Amino acid sequence: MVKRAILKIEGMYCEGCAYTIERFLKEVDGVIEVDITYPTGIAAVVYDENNAKIEDILNNSIFSGNSSYKAKLLKIE
């Protein structure tokens, strides 16, 4: 089943940040589409629930360790 997760991304300071996060999220197996709006810090991630879980997206390496980027799940549609 295809789902759409709405995330709040913290730590973005420019369009380049949004592009980097988008690139990393698209590498997650099962992610179909990523749309990030830098000024609002909102990301819409469309994914196939049969191939990816929301935890896979939230635990992506772009958000872990010493990264300045942090993601918070707002809702799943």
N, C-alpha and C. Protein backbone atom coordinates (compact mmCIF):
# COMPACT_ATOMS: atom_id res chain seq x y z
N MET A 1 0.84 -1.17 0.00
CA MET A 1 0.00 0.00 0.00
C MET A 1 0.89 1.25 0.00
N VAL A 2 0.52 2.22 -0.80
CA VAL A 2 1.29 3.46 -0.88
C VAL A 2 0.81 4.42 0.20
N LYS A 3 1.75 4.98 0.91
CA LYS A 3 1.46 5.94 1.99
C LYS A 3 2.22 7.24 1.72
N ARG A 4 1.78 8.29 2.38
CA ARG A 4 2.44 9.60 2.28
C ARG A 4 2.71 10.08 3.70
N ALA A 5 3.98 10.25 4.00
CA ALA A 5 4.38 10.73 5.32
C ALA A 5 4.72 12.21 5.22
N ILE A 6 4.24 12.97 6.17
CA ILE A 6 4.57 14.40 6.26
C ILE A 6 5.54 14.55 7.42
N LEU A 7 6.72 15.08 7.12
CA LEU A 7 7.77 15.24 8.11
C LEU A 7 8.11 16.71 8.31
N LYS A 8 8.50 17.05 9.51
CA LYS A 8 9.08 18.37 9.80
C LYS A 8 10.58 18.15 9.90
N ILE A 9 11.33 18.84 9.06
CA ILE A 9 12.78 18.71 9.02
C ILE A 9 13.41 19.92 9.70
N GLU A 10 14.24 19.67 10.69
CA GLU A 10 14.96 20.75 11.37
C GLU A 10 16.42 20.74 10.92
N GLY A 11 17.02 21.91 10.91
CA GLY A 11 18.44 22.02 10.59
C GLY A 11 18.74 22.42 9.16
N MET A 12 17.71 22.67 8.35
CA MET A 12 17.95 23.11 6.97
C MET A 12 18.19 24.62 6.95
N TYR A 13 19.20 25.02 6.21
CA TYR A 13 19.52 26.45 6.14
C TYR A 13 19.49 27.00 4.72
N CYS A 14 19.28 26.12 3.73
CA CYS A 14 19.27 26.58 2.35
C CYS A 14 18.64 25.52 1.45
N GLU A 15 18.44 25.87 0.19
CA GLU A 15 17.91 24.92 -0.79
C GLU A 15 18.85 23.73 -0.96
N GLY A 16 20.14 23.97 -0.81
CA GLY A 16 21.12 22.88 -0.92
C GLY A 16 20.89 21.82 0.14
N CYS A 17 20.52 22.24 1.34
CA CYS A 17 20.20 21.30 2.42
C CYS A 17 19.01 20.44 2.01
N ALA A 18 17.97 21.07 1.49
CA ALA A 18 16.77 20.35 1.07
C ALA A 18 17.11 19.34 -0.02
N TYR A 19 17.95 19.74 -0.96
CA TYR A 19 18.35 18.84 -2.04
C TYR A 19 19.12 17.64 -1.49
N THR A 20 20.02 17.88 -0.55
CA THR A 20 20.80 16.79 0.04
C THR A 20 19.90 15.79 0.76
N ILE A 21 18.97 16.29 1.55
CA ILE A 21 18.05 15.41 2.28
C ILE A 21 17.19 14.63 1.29
N GLU A 22 16.69 15.30 0.29
CA GLU A 22 15.87 14.65 -0.73
C GLU A 22 16.64 13.50 -1.39
N ARG A 23 17.88 13.76 -1.74
CA ARG A 23 18.72 12.73 -2.39
C ARG A 23 18.89 11.51 -1.48
N PHE A 24 19.16 11.73 -0.20
CA PHE A 24 19.33 10.62 0.74
C PHE A 24 18.03 9.83 0.91
N LEU A 25 16.91 10.52 1.03
CA LEU A 25 15.64 9.83 1.23
C LEU A 25 15.24 9.02 0.01
N LYS A 26 15.56 9.50 -1.17
CA LYS A 26 15.22 8.76 -2.39
C LYS A 26 16.02 7.46 -2.51
N GLU A 27 17.09 7.33 -1.76
CA GLU A 27 17.89 6.11 -1.78
C GLU A 27 17.28 5.00 -0.92
N VAL A 28 16.30 5.32 -0.09
CA VAL A 28 15.64 4.31 0.74
C VAL A 28 14.77 3.44 -0.17
N ASP A 29 14.99 2.11 -0.12
CA ASP A 29 14.17 1.20 -0.91
C ASP A 29 12.70 1.39 -0.54
N GLY A 30 11.87 1.55 -1.56
CA GLY A 30 10.45 1.73 -1.34
C GLY A 30 9.98 3.16 -1.39
N VAL A 31 10.91 4.12 -1.33
CA VAL A 31 10.52 5.53 -1.43
C VAL A 31 10.27 5.85 -2.90
N ILE A 32 9.10 6.38 -3.17
CA ILE A 32 8.67 6.66 -4.54
C ILE A 32 8.92 8.11 -4.92
N GLU A 33 8.62 9.01 -3.99
CA GLU A 33 8.72 10.45 -4.29
C GLU A 33 9.02 11.22 -3.02
N VAL A 34 9.83 12.27 -3.16
CA VAL A 34 10.14 13.15 -2.03
C VAL A 34 9.98 14.59 -2.49
N ASP A 35 9.24 15.37 -1.72
CA ASP A 35 9.06 16.78 -2.03
C ASP A 35 9.32 17.57 -0.74
N ILE A 36 10.37 18.38 -0.75
CA ILE A 36 10.73 19.16 0.43
C ILE A 36 10.58 20.64 0.12
N THR A 37 9.91 21.35 1.01
CA THR A 37 9.78 22.80 0.90
C THR A 37 10.69 23.42 1.95
N TYR A 38 11.80 23.99 1.48
CA TYR A 38 12.81 24.52 2.40
C TYR A 38 12.27 25.58 3.35
N PRO A 39 11.56 26.60 2.87
CA PRO A 39 11.15 27.67 3.80
C PRO A 39 10.29 27.17 4.97
N THR A 40 9.46 26.15 4.74
CA THR A 40 8.59 25.65 5.81
C THR A 40 9.22 24.48 6.56
N GLY A 41 10.21 23.84 5.95
CA GLY A 41 10.84 22.67 6.56
C GLY A 41 9.97 21.44 6.53
N ILE A 42 9.02 21.41 5.61
CA ILE A 42 8.10 20.29 5.49
C ILE A 42 8.51 19.39 4.33
N ALA A 43 8.52 18.09 4.60
CA ALA A 43 8.82 17.10 3.56
C ALA A 43 7.64 16.16 3.42
N ALA A 44 7.26 15.89 2.18
CA ALA A 44 6.25 14.89 1.89
C ALA A 44 6.98 13.72 1.24
N VAL A 45 6.87 12.56 1.86
CA VAL A 45 7.57 11.38 1.37
C VAL A 45 6.53 10.32 1.03
N VAL A 46 6.45 9.97 -0.26
CA VAL A 46 5.55 8.93 -0.71
C VAL A 46 6.35 7.64 -0.77
N TYR A 47 5.81 6.59 -0.13
CA TYR A 47 6.55 5.33 -0.07
C TYR A 47 5.61 4.14 -0.14
N ASP A 48 6.15 3.02 -0.59
CA ASP A 48 5.40 1.77 -0.64
C ASP A 48 5.61 1.05 0.67
N GLU A 49 4.55 0.92 1.43
CA GLU A 49 4.62 0.33 2.76
C GLU A 49 5.07 -1.14 2.73
N ASN A 50 4.94 -1.79 1.58
CA ASN A 50 5.39 -3.17 1.46
C ASN A 50 6.91 -3.27 1.36
N ASN A 51 7.56 -2.18 0.96
CA ASN A 51 9.02 -2.18 0.79
C ASN A 51 9.76 -1.29 1.77
N ALA A 52 9.07 -0.37 2.38
CA ALA A 52 9.71 0.55 3.33
C ALA A 52 8.76 0.82 4.49
N LYS A 53 9.31 0.98 5.63
CA LYS A 53 8.54 1.36 6.82
C LYS A 53 8.91 2.80 7.17
N ILE A 54 8.04 3.46 7.89
CA ILE A 54 8.33 4.84 8.28
C ILE A 54 9.61 4.92 9.09
N GLU A 55 9.92 3.86 9.85
CA GLU A 55 11.16 3.83 10.63
C GLU A 55 12.39 3.87 9.72
N ASP A 56 12.28 3.24 8.54
CA ASP A 56 13.40 3.26 7.58
C ASP A 56 13.69 4.69 7.13
N ILE A 57 12.63 5.44 6.96
CA ILE A 57 12.77 6.83 6.51
C ILE A 57 13.31 7.70 7.64
N LEU A 58 12.72 7.58 8.81
CA LEU A 58 13.14 8.42 9.94
C LEU A 58 14.53 8.07 10.45
N ASN A 59 14.98 6.84 10.25
CA ASN A 59 16.30 6.42 10.71
C ASN A 59 17.35 6.49 9.61
N ASN A 60 17.03 7.16 8.52
CA ASN A 60 17.99 7.33 7.44
C ASN A 60 19.26 7.98 7.98
N SER A 61 20.39 7.62 7.42
CA SER A 61 21.68 8.13 7.91
C SER A 61 21.77 9.65 7.87
N ILE A 62 20.99 10.32 7.02
CA ILE A 62 21.03 11.78 6.96
C ILE A 62 20.54 12.40 8.26
N PHE A 63 19.74 11.65 9.05
CA PHE A 63 19.19 12.17 10.30
C PHE A 63 19.87 11.63 11.55
N SER A 64 20.87 10.78 11.40
CA SER A 64 21.46 10.13 12.57
C SER A 64 22.84 10.67 12.89
N GLY A 65 23.37 10.20 13.98
CA GLY A 65 24.73 10.58 14.37
C GLY A 65 24.87 12.06 14.64
N ASN A 66 25.91 12.63 14.08
CA ASN A 66 26.23 14.04 14.31
C ASN A 66 25.56 14.97 13.31
N SER A 67 24.66 14.46 12.51
CA SER A 67 23.97 15.27 11.52
C SER A 67 23.19 16.40 12.20
N SER A 68 23.19 17.55 11.56
CA SER A 68 22.41 18.68 12.09
C SER A 68 20.94 18.58 11.67
N TYR A 69 20.63 17.66 10.76
CA TYR A 69 19.26 17.48 10.29
C TYR A 69 18.52 16.51 11.20
N LYS A 70 17.32 16.87 11.58
CA LYS A 70 16.46 16.01 12.40
C LYS A 70 15.07 15.98 11.77
N ALA A 71 14.44 14.81 11.80
CA ALA A 71 13.10 14.67 11.20
C ALA A 71 12.12 14.24 12.28
N LYS A 72 10.93 14.85 12.21
CA LYS A 72 9.84 14.50 13.12
C LYS A 72 8.63 14.17 12.27
N LEU A 73 8.02 13.03 12.54
CA LEU A 73 6.82 12.62 11.81
C LEU A 73 5.64 13.46 12.29
N LEU A 74 4.97 14.13 11.34
CA LEU A 74 3.77 14.91 11.67
C LEU A 74 2.51 14.09 11.45
N LYS A 75 2.46 13.37 10.31
CA LYS A 75 1.30 12.51 10.05
C LYS A 75 1.58 11.60 8.87
N ILE A 76 0.77 10.55 8.78
CA ILE A 76 0.81 9.63 7.66
C ILE A 76 -0.57 9.63 7.02
N GLU A 77 -0.57 9.78 5.72
CA GLU A 77 -1.86 9.82 4.99
C GLU A 77 -1.98 8.58 4.14
